[in-house]
Amino acid sequence: MKNKVKIAVFASGNGSNFQAIADAVKAGSLDAEIVLVVTDRPNAYVIERARQANIPSFAFIPADYDSKKSYEEMLKGKLESLQVDWIVLAGFMRLIGPALLEAYENRIVNIHPSVLPAFPGKDAIGQTMAARAESAGVTIHFVDAGMDTGNIIVQESFKVNGRSREAVENEIHAIEHKLYPVALQRLFNLNNMH
């Protein structure tokens, strides 16, 4: 029996994508172990979700460190001590820098609420609505040094059809929560074959 894939989930907010991943792990549809939740906001609700799921969390304040490199080196040490295989970004609002990109090359995944390359960066749903885009959706992609520019793993879109921002947002969350665990399982399966 191969050891389960160990993942660290990075989130900055509510943590609904973390919850979807944790639920999939619990249900057995995602064959992985979440060994740590990392947040850059000590009051983020994701910490409470992690506590309820009995998953350790770690909060840090980037401003307490003199550079991105110094806090990433600190995080890298923490992840390596827990033997983390993959970093899964679930609403983490910071660009990942070289320290983590090099340590986890092709093993950092992000979910983004638009059909990339359209609407990268912050408030993709707001950007989608402001542009009166015909469709909205979700992209799961590998993380590279750019802003939402890594290789795309899977995308799912739907027609906006004049719906309100709230309706579009709800649809995006529903897709995210279904798609992310499935995409991760597929990735881990592919990696186990090598």
N, C-alpha and C. Protein backbone atom coordinates (compact mmCIF):
# COMPACT_ATOMS: atom_id res chain seq x y z
N MET A 1 0.85 -1.19 0.00
CA MET A 1 0.00 0.00 0.00
C MET A 1 0.89 1.25 0.00
N LYS A 2 0.73 2.02 -1.05
CA LYS A 2 1.54 3.24 -1.14
C LYS A 2 1.04 4.27 -0.13
N ASN A 3 1.98 5.04 0.42
CA ASN A 3 1.58 6.10 1.34
C ASN A 3 0.71 7.11 0.61
N LYS A 4 -0.23 7.66 1.34
CA LYS A 4 -1.09 8.68 0.76
C LYS A 4 -0.26 9.91 0.39
N VAL A 5 -0.72 10.61 -0.64
CA VAL A 5 -0.11 11.87 -1.03
C VAL A 5 -0.36 12.87 0.10
N LYS A 6 0.69 13.54 0.53
CA LYS A 6 0.54 14.53 1.60
C LYS A 6 0.43 15.92 0.99
N ILE A 7 -0.64 16.61 1.33
CA ILE A 7 -0.82 17.94 0.77
C ILE A 7 -0.94 19.00 1.87
N ALA A 8 -0.50 20.20 1.52
CA ALA A 8 -0.71 21.38 2.36
C ALA A 8 -1.63 22.29 1.58
N VAL A 9 -2.70 22.74 2.22
CA VAL A 9 -3.64 23.64 1.57
C VAL A 9 -3.35 25.07 2.05
N PHE A 10 -3.14 25.96 1.10
CA PHE A 10 -2.90 27.38 1.41
C PHE A 10 -4.19 28.15 1.11
N ALA A 11 -4.68 28.91 2.08
CA ALA A 11 -5.90 29.68 1.87
C ALA A 11 -5.79 31.01 2.62
N SER A 12 -6.52 32.01 2.14
CA SER A 12 -6.48 33.33 2.80
C SER A 12 -7.81 33.72 3.41
N GLY A 13 -8.86 32.97 3.13
CA GLY A 13 -10.17 33.45 3.54
C GLY A 13 -11.06 32.41 4.17
N ASN A 14 -12.26 32.32 3.63
CA ASN A 14 -13.31 31.48 4.16
C ASN A 14 -12.95 29.99 4.14
N GLY A 15 -12.26 29.57 3.10
CA GLY A 15 -11.82 28.18 3.04
C GLY A 15 -12.84 27.19 2.52
N SER A 16 -13.77 27.66 1.68
CA SER A 16 -14.77 26.71 1.17
C SER A 16 -14.14 25.68 0.24
N ASN A 17 -13.11 26.05 -0.50
CA ASN A 17 -12.42 25.05 -1.34
C ASN A 17 -11.63 24.08 -0.48
N PHE A 18 -11.03 24.57 0.61
CA PHE A 18 -10.38 23.66 1.55
C PHE A 18 -11.41 22.66 2.06
N GLN A 19 -12.60 23.16 2.41
CA GLN A 19 -13.66 22.28 2.94
C GLN A 19 -14.02 21.20 1.93
N ALA A 20 -14.16 21.59 0.66
CA ALA A 20 -14.51 20.62 -0.38
C ALA A 20 -13.44 19.54 -0.50
N ILE A 21 -12.17 19.96 -0.39
CA ILE A 21 -11.06 19.00 -0.48
C ILE A 21 -11.06 18.10 0.75
N ALA A 22 -11.22 18.69 1.93
CA ALA A 22 -11.25 17.90 3.18
C ALA A 22 -12.41 16.91 3.16
N ASP A 23 -13.57 17.34 2.66
CA ASP A 23 -14.73 16.45 2.58
C ASP A 23 -14.47 15.30 1.63
N ALA A 24 -13.79 15.58 0.50
CA ALA A 24 -13.47 14.54 -0.47
C ALA A 24 -12.49 13.53 0.12
N VAL A 25 -11.53 14.03 0.90
CA VAL A 25 -10.57 13.14 1.56
C VAL A 25 -11.31 12.23 2.55
N LYS A 26 -12.18 12.85 3.34
CA LYS A 26 -12.94 12.10 4.34
C LYS A 26 -13.83 11.04 3.68
N ALA A 27 -14.43 11.41 2.55
CA ALA A 27 -15.34 10.50 1.85
C ALA A 27 -14.58 9.40 1.10
N GLY A 28 -13.25 9.57 0.97
CA GLY A 28 -12.46 8.57 0.27
C GLY A 28 -12.37 8.77 -1.23
N SER A 29 -12.97 9.86 -1.74
CA SER A 29 -12.89 10.09 -3.19
C SER A 29 -11.60 10.80 -3.58
N LEU A 30 -10.92 11.39 -2.60
CA LEU A 30 -9.60 11.97 -2.85
C LEU A 30 -8.62 11.25 -1.94
N ASP A 31 -7.73 10.48 -2.56
CA ASP A 31 -6.81 9.65 -1.82
C ASP A 31 -5.57 10.45 -1.45
N ALA A 32 -5.72 11.26 -0.41
CA ALA A 32 -4.63 12.13 0.02
C ALA A 32 -4.81 12.41 1.50
N GLU A 33 -3.79 13.01 2.07
CA GLU A 33 -3.87 13.42 3.47
C GLU A 33 -3.51 14.90 3.54
N ILE A 34 -4.40 15.70 4.12
CA ILE A 34 -4.08 17.12 4.31
C ILE A 34 -3.31 17.20 5.62
N VAL A 35 -2.03 17.53 5.52
CA VAL A 35 -1.21 17.54 6.74
C VAL A 35 -1.10 18.94 7.35
N LEU A 36 -1.45 19.98 6.58
CA LEU A 36 -1.36 21.33 7.11
C LEU A 36 -2.21 22.29 6.29
N VAL A 37 -2.83 23.23 7.00
CA VAL A 37 -3.48 24.36 6.33
C VAL A 37 -2.63 25.58 6.67
N VAL A 38 -2.25 26.33 5.65
CA VAL A 38 -1.42 27.52 5.83
C VAL A 38 -2.23 28.74 5.42
N THR A 39 -2.21 29.77 6.26
CA THR A 39 -2.89 31.00 5.89
C THR A 39 -2.02 32.21 6.23
N ASP A 40 -2.19 33.25 5.42
CA ASP A 40 -1.46 34.50 5.65
C ASP A 40 -2.35 35.50 6.40
N ARG A 41 -3.50 35.02 6.87
CA ARG A 41 -4.42 35.88 7.63
C ARG A 41 -4.83 35.14 8.90
N PRO A 42 -4.25 35.52 10.03
CA PRO A 42 -4.50 34.80 11.28
C PRO A 42 -5.96 34.74 11.71
N ASN A 43 -6.80 35.62 11.16
CA ASN A 43 -8.21 35.56 11.54
C ASN A 43 -9.09 34.94 10.45
N ALA A 44 -8.48 34.30 9.46
CA ALA A 44 -9.24 33.70 8.36
C ALA A 44 -10.11 32.56 8.88
N TYR A 45 -11.31 32.42 8.34
CA TYR A 45 -12.24 31.40 8.79
C TYR A 45 -11.72 29.98 8.47
N VAL A 46 -10.82 29.89 7.49
CA VAL A 46 -10.28 28.57 7.14
C VAL A 46 -9.62 27.90 8.37
N ILE A 47 -9.11 28.69 9.30
CA ILE A 47 -8.47 28.12 10.49
C ILE A 47 -9.51 27.35 11.32
N GLU A 48 -10.70 27.93 11.45
CA GLU A 48 -11.79 27.27 12.17
C GLU A 48 -12.20 25.98 11.44
N ARG A 49 -12.28 26.05 10.11
CA ARG A 49 -12.63 24.84 9.33
C ARG A 49 -11.59 23.75 9.55
N ALA A 50 -10.32 24.14 9.56
CA ALA A 50 -9.25 23.16 9.78
C ALA A 50 -9.38 22.54 11.18
N ARG A 51 -9.66 23.39 12.16
CA ARG A 51 -9.81 22.91 13.53
C ARG A 51 -10.93 21.87 13.61
N GLN A 52 -12.05 22.19 12.98
CA GLN A 52 -13.20 21.27 13.00
C GLN A 52 -12.87 19.95 12.31
N ALA A 53 -11.97 19.99 11.34
CA ALA A 53 -11.58 18.77 10.60
C ALA A 53 -10.38 18.09 11.25
N ASN A 54 -9.94 18.60 12.41
CA ASN A 54 -8.76 18.06 13.10
C ASN A 54 -7.51 18.07 12.24
N ILE A 55 -7.35 19.15 11.49
CA ILE A 55 -6.17 19.31 10.65
C ILE A 55 -5.38 20.49 11.20
N PRO A 56 -4.08 20.30 11.43
CA PRO A 56 -3.29 21.42 11.97
C PRO A 56 -3.26 22.59 10.99
N SER A 57 -3.28 23.79 11.55
CA SER A 57 -3.16 24.96 10.69
C SER A 57 -2.02 25.81 11.19
N PHE A 58 -1.53 26.64 10.29
CA PHE A 58 -0.43 27.53 10.62
C PHE A 58 -0.73 28.88 10.00
N ALA A 59 -0.77 29.92 10.83
CA ALA A 59 -1.02 31.27 10.33
C ALA A 59 0.25 32.10 10.51
N PHE A 60 0.55 32.89 9.51
CA PHE A 60 1.70 33.78 9.63
C PHE A 60 1.31 35.14 9.07
N ILE A 61 2.03 36.16 9.49
CA ILE A 61 1.77 37.51 8.99
C ILE A 61 2.97 37.91 8.15
N PRO A 62 2.78 37.98 6.82
CA PRO A 62 3.91 38.28 5.95
C PRO A 62 4.70 39.52 6.38
N ALA A 63 4.01 40.52 6.92
CA ALA A 63 4.69 41.77 7.32
C ALA A 63 5.68 41.55 8.47
N ASP A 64 5.54 40.41 9.19
CA ASP A 64 6.48 40.10 10.28
C ASP A 64 7.84 39.65 9.74
N TYR A 65 7.90 39.37 8.45
CA TYR A 65 9.16 38.88 7.85
C TYR A 65 9.76 39.97 7.00
N ASP A 66 11.09 39.96 6.89
CA ASP A 66 11.69 41.07 6.13
C ASP A 66 11.57 40.91 4.63
N SER A 67 11.19 39.72 4.16
CA SER A 67 10.99 39.54 2.72
C SER A 67 10.13 38.32 2.45
N LYS A 68 9.63 38.26 1.22
CA LYS A 68 8.88 37.07 0.79
C LYS A 68 9.79 35.85 0.91
N LYS A 69 11.06 36.02 0.52
CA LYS A 69 12.00 34.90 0.58
C LYS A 69 12.11 34.36 2.01
N SER A 70 12.16 35.25 3.00
CA SER A 70 12.35 34.75 4.36
C SER A 70 11.12 34.00 4.87
N TYR A 71 9.90 34.48 4.56
CA TYR A 71 8.76 33.69 5.03
C TYR A 71 8.56 32.43 4.20
N GLU A 72 8.94 32.48 2.91
CA GLU A 72 8.81 31.25 2.11
C GLU A 72 9.83 30.19 2.57
N GLU A 73 11.03 30.63 2.93
CA GLU A 73 12.02 29.67 3.46
C GLU A 73 11.49 29.03 4.74
N MET A 74 10.86 29.86 5.59
CA MET A 74 10.27 29.35 6.82
C MET A 74 9.16 28.33 6.50
N LEU A 75 8.30 28.67 5.55
CA LEU A 75 7.22 27.76 5.15
C LEU A 75 7.79 26.47 4.55
N LYS A 76 8.82 26.64 3.72
CA LYS A 76 9.44 25.47 3.08
C LYS A 76 9.94 24.49 4.14
N GLY A 77 10.60 25.02 5.17
CA GLY A 77 11.10 24.18 6.26
C GLY A 77 9.96 23.43 6.95
N LYS A 78 8.87 24.13 7.18
CA LYS A 78 7.70 23.53 7.81
C LYS A 78 7.13 22.41 6.93
N LEU A 79 6.97 22.70 5.64
CA LEU A 79 6.40 21.72 4.71
C LEU A 79 7.30 20.50 4.59
N GLU A 80 8.61 20.75 4.51
CA GLU A 80 9.55 19.63 4.38
C GLU A 80 9.55 18.76 5.64
N SER A 81 9.40 19.39 6.80
CA SER A 81 9.39 18.59 8.04
C SER A 81 8.14 17.70 8.10
N LEU A 82 7.07 18.11 7.42
CA LEU A 82 5.84 17.30 7.37
C LEU A 82 5.81 16.39 6.14
N GLN A 83 6.89 16.42 5.35
CA GLN A 83 7.01 15.63 4.12
C GLN A 83 5.86 15.90 3.14
N VAL A 84 5.52 17.16 2.99
CA VAL A 84 4.46 17.56 2.07
C VAL A 84 4.89 17.27 0.63
N ASP A 85 4.00 16.61 -0.13
CA ASP A 85 4.27 16.29 -1.54
C ASP A 85 3.78 17.40 -2.47
N TRP A 86 2.61 17.96 -2.17
CA TRP A 86 1.97 18.94 -3.05
C TRP A 86 1.47 20.12 -2.24
N ILE A 87 1.51 21.30 -2.84
CA ILE A 87 0.88 22.49 -2.27
C ILE A 87 -0.37 22.77 -3.10
N VAL A 88 -1.49 22.89 -2.41
CA VAL A 88 -2.76 23.14 -3.08
C VAL A 88 -3.26 24.52 -2.64
N LEU A 89 -3.32 25.44 -3.59
CA LEU A 89 -3.77 26.80 -3.27
C LEU A 89 -5.29 26.85 -3.41
N ALA A 90 -5.94 27.31 -2.36
CA ALA A 90 -7.40 27.35 -2.35
C ALA A 90 -7.82 28.74 -1.86
N GLY A 91 -7.73 29.71 -2.76
CA GLY A 91 -8.04 31.08 -2.35
C GLY A 91 -6.91 31.71 -1.55
N PHE A 92 -5.67 31.40 -1.94
CA PHE A 92 -4.51 32.02 -1.30
C PHE A 92 -4.17 33.26 -2.11
N MET A 93 -4.17 34.40 -1.45
CA MET A 93 -4.11 35.67 -2.20
C MET A 93 -2.70 36.23 -2.39
N ARG A 94 -1.71 35.38 -2.39
CA ARG A 94 -0.34 35.87 -2.62
C ARG A 94 0.31 35.09 -3.74
N LEU A 95 1.15 35.79 -4.49
CA LEU A 95 1.94 35.09 -5.51
C LEU A 95 2.98 34.24 -4.79
N ILE A 96 3.20 33.05 -5.32
CA ILE A 96 4.22 32.16 -4.76
C ILE A 96 5.56 32.55 -5.37
N GLY A 97 6.57 32.65 -4.51
CA GLY A 97 7.89 33.10 -4.97
C GLY A 97 8.84 31.94 -5.24
N PRO A 98 10.07 32.27 -5.65
CA PRO A 98 11.05 31.26 -6.08
C PRO A 98 11.36 30.19 -5.04
N ALA A 99 11.38 30.55 -3.75
CA ALA A 99 11.77 29.55 -2.74
C ALA A 99 10.83 28.34 -2.78
N LEU A 100 9.52 28.59 -2.84
CA LEU A 100 8.57 27.48 -2.89
C LEU A 100 8.44 26.92 -4.30
N LEU A 101 8.51 27.78 -5.32
CA LEU A 101 8.40 27.29 -6.70
C LEU A 101 9.50 26.28 -7.02
N GLU A 102 10.71 26.55 -6.53
CA GLU A 102 11.82 25.63 -6.82
C GLU A 102 11.69 24.35 -6.02
N ALA A 103 11.29 24.47 -4.75
CA ALA A 103 11.18 23.28 -3.90
C ALA A 103 10.03 22.38 -4.35
N TYR A 104 8.98 22.97 -4.90
CA TYR A 104 7.79 22.20 -5.29
C TYR A 104 7.47 22.36 -6.77
N GLU A 105 8.50 22.26 -7.59
CA GLU A 105 8.31 22.46 -9.03
C GLU A 105 7.28 21.48 -9.58
N ASN A 106 6.28 22.01 -10.31
CA ASN A 106 5.19 21.20 -10.87
C ASN A 106 4.40 20.45 -9.81
N ARG A 107 4.46 20.93 -8.56
CA ARG A 107 3.68 20.30 -7.50
C ARG A 107 2.92 21.36 -6.68
N ILE A 108 2.65 22.49 -7.34
CA ILE A 108 1.81 23.52 -6.73
C ILE A 108 0.65 23.75 -7.70
N VAL A 109 -0.56 23.62 -7.17
CA VAL A 109 -1.76 23.73 -8.00
C VAL A 109 -2.62 24.86 -7.45
N ASN A 110 -3.28 25.58 -8.35
CA ASN A 110 -4.17 26.67 -7.95
C ASN A 110 -5.51 26.52 -8.63
N ILE A 111 -6.53 27.08 -7.98
CA ILE A 111 -7.85 27.16 -8.60
C ILE A 111 -8.17 28.63 -8.78
N HIS A 112 -8.69 28.97 -9.95
CA HIS A 112 -8.94 30.38 -10.26
C HIS A 112 -10.35 30.54 -10.83
N PRO A 113 -11.10 31.54 -10.34
CA PRO A 113 -12.50 31.66 -10.76
C PRO A 113 -12.71 32.40 -12.08
N SER A 114 -12.00 31.96 -13.11
CA SER A 114 -12.28 32.43 -14.47
C SER A 114 -11.73 31.39 -15.43
N VAL A 115 -12.08 31.55 -16.71
CA VAL A 115 -11.53 30.65 -17.72
C VAL A 115 -10.26 31.33 -18.25
N LEU A 116 -9.15 30.97 -17.64
CA LEU A 116 -7.88 31.59 -18.04
C LEU A 116 -7.59 31.25 -19.50
N PRO A 117 -6.88 32.11 -20.24
CA PRO A 117 -6.14 33.28 -19.77
C PRO A 117 -7.00 34.53 -19.51
N ALA A 118 -8.32 34.45 -19.68
CA ALA A 118 -9.16 35.62 -19.41
C ALA A 118 -9.22 35.89 -17.90
N PHE A 119 -9.13 37.13 -17.54
CA PHE A 119 -9.33 37.61 -16.16
C PHE A 119 -8.43 36.96 -15.11
N PRO A 120 -7.11 37.08 -15.29
CA PRO A 120 -6.21 36.61 -14.23
C PRO A 120 -6.22 37.59 -13.07
N GLY A 121 -5.59 37.21 -11.97
CA GLY A 121 -5.40 38.15 -10.87
C GLY A 121 -6.61 38.27 -9.96
N LYS A 122 -6.63 39.38 -9.24
CA LYS A 122 -7.64 39.58 -8.20
C LYS A 122 -9.03 39.83 -8.78
N ASP A 123 -10.02 39.42 -8.01
CA ASP A 123 -11.43 39.65 -8.32
C ASP A 123 -11.78 39.28 -9.76
N ALA A 124 -11.46 38.05 -10.12
CA ALA A 124 -11.75 37.58 -11.48
C ALA A 124 -13.24 37.61 -11.78
N ILE A 125 -14.06 37.36 -10.77
CA ILE A 125 -15.51 37.37 -11.00
C ILE A 125 -15.97 38.80 -11.30
N GLY A 126 -15.44 39.75 -10.52
CA GLY A 126 -15.73 41.16 -10.79
C GLY A 126 -15.27 41.58 -12.17
N GLN A 127 -14.09 41.11 -12.56
CA GLN A 127 -13.57 41.42 -13.90
C GLN A 127 -14.50 40.84 -14.97
N THR A 128 -14.94 39.60 -14.74
CA THR A 128 -15.83 38.91 -15.70
C THR A 128 -17.11 39.71 -15.87
N MET A 129 -17.68 40.16 -14.74
CA MET A 129 -18.95 40.90 -14.78
C MET A 129 -18.74 42.27 -15.44
N ALA A 130 -17.66 42.95 -15.09
CA ALA A 130 -17.39 44.29 -15.63
C ALA A 130 -17.20 44.23 -17.15
N ALA A 131 -16.62 43.14 -17.63
CA ALA A 131 -16.38 43.00 -19.07
C ALA A 131 -17.63 42.51 -19.80
N ARG A 132 -18.68 42.27 -19.05
CA ARG A 132 -19.92 41.68 -19.60
C ARG A 132 -19.59 40.44 -20.43
N ALA A 133 -18.71 39.60 -19.87
CA ALA A 133 -18.28 38.40 -20.58
C ALA A 133 -19.46 37.46 -20.80
N GLU A 134 -19.41 36.74 -21.91
CA GLU A 134 -20.49 35.83 -22.26
C GLU A 134 -20.48 34.60 -21.34
N SER A 135 -19.25 34.18 -20.97
CA SER A 135 -19.19 33.01 -20.10
C SER A 135 -18.23 33.26 -18.94
N ALA A 136 -18.44 32.48 -17.90
CA ALA A 136 -17.59 32.53 -16.71
C ALA A 136 -17.19 31.10 -16.43
N GLY A 137 -16.32 30.89 -15.45
CA GLY A 137 -15.95 29.53 -15.15
C GLY A 137 -14.79 29.43 -14.20
N VAL A 138 -14.18 28.27 -14.24
CA VAL A 138 -13.14 27.90 -13.28
C VAL A 138 -11.97 27.28 -14.03
N THR A 139 -10.76 27.61 -13.58
CA THR A 139 -9.56 26.98 -14.12
C THR A 139 -8.75 26.41 -12.97
N ILE A 140 -8.28 25.18 -13.15
CA ILE A 140 -7.32 24.60 -12.22
C ILE A 140 -6.02 24.50 -12.99
N HIS A 141 -4.95 25.06 -12.41
CA HIS A 141 -3.70 25.13 -13.16
C HIS A 141 -2.49 24.97 -12.25
N PHE A 142 -1.37 24.60 -12.88
CA PHE A 142 -0.10 24.58 -12.16
C PHE A 142 0.34 26.01 -11.89
N VAL A 143 1.09 26.20 -10.83
CA VAL A 143 1.56 27.53 -10.48
C VAL A 143 2.98 27.72 -10.99
N ASP A 144 3.19 28.86 -11.65
CA ASP A 144 4.54 29.24 -12.05
C ASP A 144 4.80 30.64 -11.49
N ALA A 145 5.84 31.30 -11.97
CA ALA A 145 6.22 32.59 -11.38
C ALA A 145 5.25 33.71 -11.74
N GLY A 146 4.41 33.51 -12.74
CA GLY A 146 3.51 34.57 -13.17
C GLY A 146 2.20 34.58 -12.39
N MET A 147 1.36 35.53 -12.71
CA MET A 147 0.04 35.65 -12.08
C MET A 147 -0.95 34.83 -12.88
N ASP A 148 -1.29 33.64 -12.38
CA ASP A 148 -2.26 32.76 -13.04
C ASP A 148 -1.86 32.41 -14.47
N THR A 149 -0.56 32.14 -14.66
CA THR A 149 -0.07 31.86 -16.01
C THR A 149 0.40 30.41 -16.19
N GLY A 150 0.33 29.60 -15.16
CA GLY A 150 0.85 28.23 -15.26
C GLY A 150 0.02 27.34 -16.18
N ASN A 151 0.59 26.19 -16.54
CA ASN A 151 -0.11 25.28 -17.44
C ASN A 151 -1.47 24.87 -16.87
N ILE A 152 -2.46 24.87 -17.76
CA ILE A 152 -3.83 24.57 -17.36
C ILE A 152 -4.03 23.06 -17.25
N ILE A 153 -4.65 22.65 -16.17
CA ILE A 153 -4.95 21.24 -15.93
C ILE A 153 -6.36 20.93 -16.42
N VAL A 154 -7.32 21.73 -15.99
CA VAL A 154 -8.71 21.51 -16.41
C VAL A 154 -9.49 22.82 -16.27
N GLN A 155 -10.49 22.99 -17.13
CA GLN A 155 -11.35 24.17 -17.06
C GLN A 155 -12.80 23.75 -17.24
N GLU A 156 -13.68 24.53 -16.65
CA GLU A 156 -15.11 24.30 -16.88
C GLU A 156 -15.76 25.67 -16.94
N SER A 157 -16.63 25.86 -17.94
CA SER A 157 -17.25 27.18 -18.07
C SER A 157 -18.75 27.03 -18.24
N PHE A 158 -19.43 28.16 -18.10
CA PHE A 158 -20.88 28.19 -18.27
C PHE A 158 -21.25 29.58 -18.79
N LYS A 159 -22.41 29.67 -19.39
CA LYS A 159 -22.88 30.95 -19.94
C LYS A 159 -23.41 31.84 -18.81
N VAL A 160 -23.04 33.11 -18.85
CA VAL A 160 -23.49 34.05 -17.83
C VAL A 160 -24.98 34.37 -18.00
N ASN A 161 -25.41 34.59 -19.26
CA ASN A 161 -26.82 34.87 -19.56
C ASN A 161 -27.45 35.94 -18.67
N GLY A 162 -26.74 37.04 -18.48
CA GLY A 162 -27.32 38.15 -17.75
C GLY A 162 -27.57 37.91 -16.26
N ARG A 163 -26.99 36.85 -15.72
CA ARG A 163 -27.21 36.58 -14.29
C ARG A 163 -26.49 37.58 -13.41
N SER A 164 -26.95 37.70 -12.17
CA SER A 164 -26.33 38.62 -11.21
C SER A 164 -24.95 38.09 -10.81
N ARG A 165 -24.16 38.99 -10.26
CA ARG A 165 -22.84 38.58 -9.77
C ARG A 165 -22.97 37.46 -8.75
N GLU A 166 -23.96 37.58 -7.87
CA GLU A 166 -24.14 36.57 -6.83
C GLU A 166 -24.45 35.19 -7.44
N ALA A 167 -25.30 35.18 -8.45
CA ALA A 167 -25.65 33.91 -9.10
C ALA A 167 -24.43 33.31 -9.80
N VAL A 168 -23.64 34.17 -10.45
CA VAL A 168 -22.43 33.70 -11.14
C VAL A 168 -21.44 33.15 -10.11
N GLU A 169 -21.29 33.88 -9.01
CA GLU A 169 -20.38 33.46 -7.95
C GLU A 169 -20.80 32.10 -7.37
N ASN A 170 -22.08 31.94 -7.13
CA ASN A 170 -22.58 30.66 -6.58
C ASN A 170 -22.29 29.50 -7.53
N GLU A 171 -22.51 29.75 -8.83
CA GLU A 171 -22.24 28.71 -9.83
C GLU A 171 -20.75 28.36 -9.86
N ILE A 172 -19.91 29.40 -9.79
CA ILE A 172 -18.46 29.17 -9.79
C ILE A 172 -18.05 28.35 -8.57
N HIS A 173 -18.58 28.70 -7.40
CA HIS A 173 -18.23 27.94 -6.19
C HIS A 173 -18.68 26.48 -6.32
N ALA A 174 -19.87 26.27 -6.86
CA ALA A 174 -20.38 24.89 -7.02
C ALA A 174 -19.44 24.08 -7.93
N ILE A 175 -18.99 24.71 -9.02
CA ILE A 175 -18.07 24.02 -9.93
C ILE A 175 -16.73 23.77 -9.24
N GLU A 176 -16.21 24.79 -8.55
CA GLU A 176 -14.92 24.65 -7.87
C GLU A 176 -14.94 23.47 -6.91
N HIS A 177 -15.98 23.42 -6.10
CA HIS A 177 -16.03 22.41 -5.03
C HIS A 177 -16.14 20.99 -5.59
N LYS A 178 -16.71 20.88 -6.78
CA LYS A 178 -16.83 19.57 -7.42
C LYS A 178 -15.55 19.23 -8.20
N LEU A 179 -15.05 20.23 -8.92
CA LEU A 179 -13.95 20.00 -9.86
C LEU A 179 -12.59 19.82 -9.18
N TYR A 180 -12.32 20.60 -8.12
CA TYR A 180 -10.98 20.60 -7.52
C TYR A 180 -10.58 19.22 -6.99
N PRO A 181 -11.40 18.58 -6.15
CA PRO A 181 -11.00 17.25 -5.64
C PRO A 181 -10.79 16.23 -6.77
N VAL A 182 -11.64 16.29 -7.79
CA VAL A 182 -11.53 15.35 -8.92
C VAL A 182 -10.23 15.58 -9.69
N ALA A 183 -9.93 16.85 -9.95
CA ALA A 183 -8.70 17.19 -10.68
C ALA A 183 -7.47 16.78 -9.88
N LEU A 184 -7.50 17.00 -8.57
CA LEU A 184 -6.36 16.62 -7.73
C LEU A 184 -6.16 15.12 -7.74
N GLN A 185 -7.25 14.36 -7.63
CA GLN A 185 -7.13 12.90 -7.65
C GLN A 185 -6.50 12.44 -8.96
N ARG A 186 -6.93 13.04 -10.06
CA ARG A 186 -6.38 12.68 -11.37
C ARG A 186 -4.87 12.96 -11.42
N LEU A 187 -4.48 14.13 -10.90
CA LEU A 187 -3.06 14.50 -10.87
C LEU A 187 -2.25 13.51 -10.04
N PHE A 188 -2.76 13.18 -8.85
CA PHE A 188 -2.03 12.29 -7.96
C PHE A 188 -1.91 10.89 -8.59
N ASN A 189 -2.97 10.45 -9.27
CA ASN A 189 -2.91 9.15 -9.96
C ASN A 189 -1.84 9.14 -11.02
N LEU A 190 -1.80 10.21 -11.83
CA LEU A 190 -0.80 10.32 -12.90
C LEU A 190 0.61 10.30 -12.29
N ASN A 191 0.77 11.01 -11.19
CA ASN A 191 2.10 11.09 -10.57
C ASN A 191 2.54 9.76 -9.97
N ASN A 192 1.58 9.00 -9.48
CA ASN A 192 1.92 7.70 -8.90
C ASN A 192 2.38 6.70 -9.96
N MET A 193 2.00 6.98 -11.21
CA MET A 193 2.36 6.04 -12.27
C MET A 193 3.80 6.22 -12.71
N HIS A 194 4.38 7.36 -12.37
CA HIS A 194 5.78 7.61 -12.80
C HIS A 194 6.76 7.01 -11.84
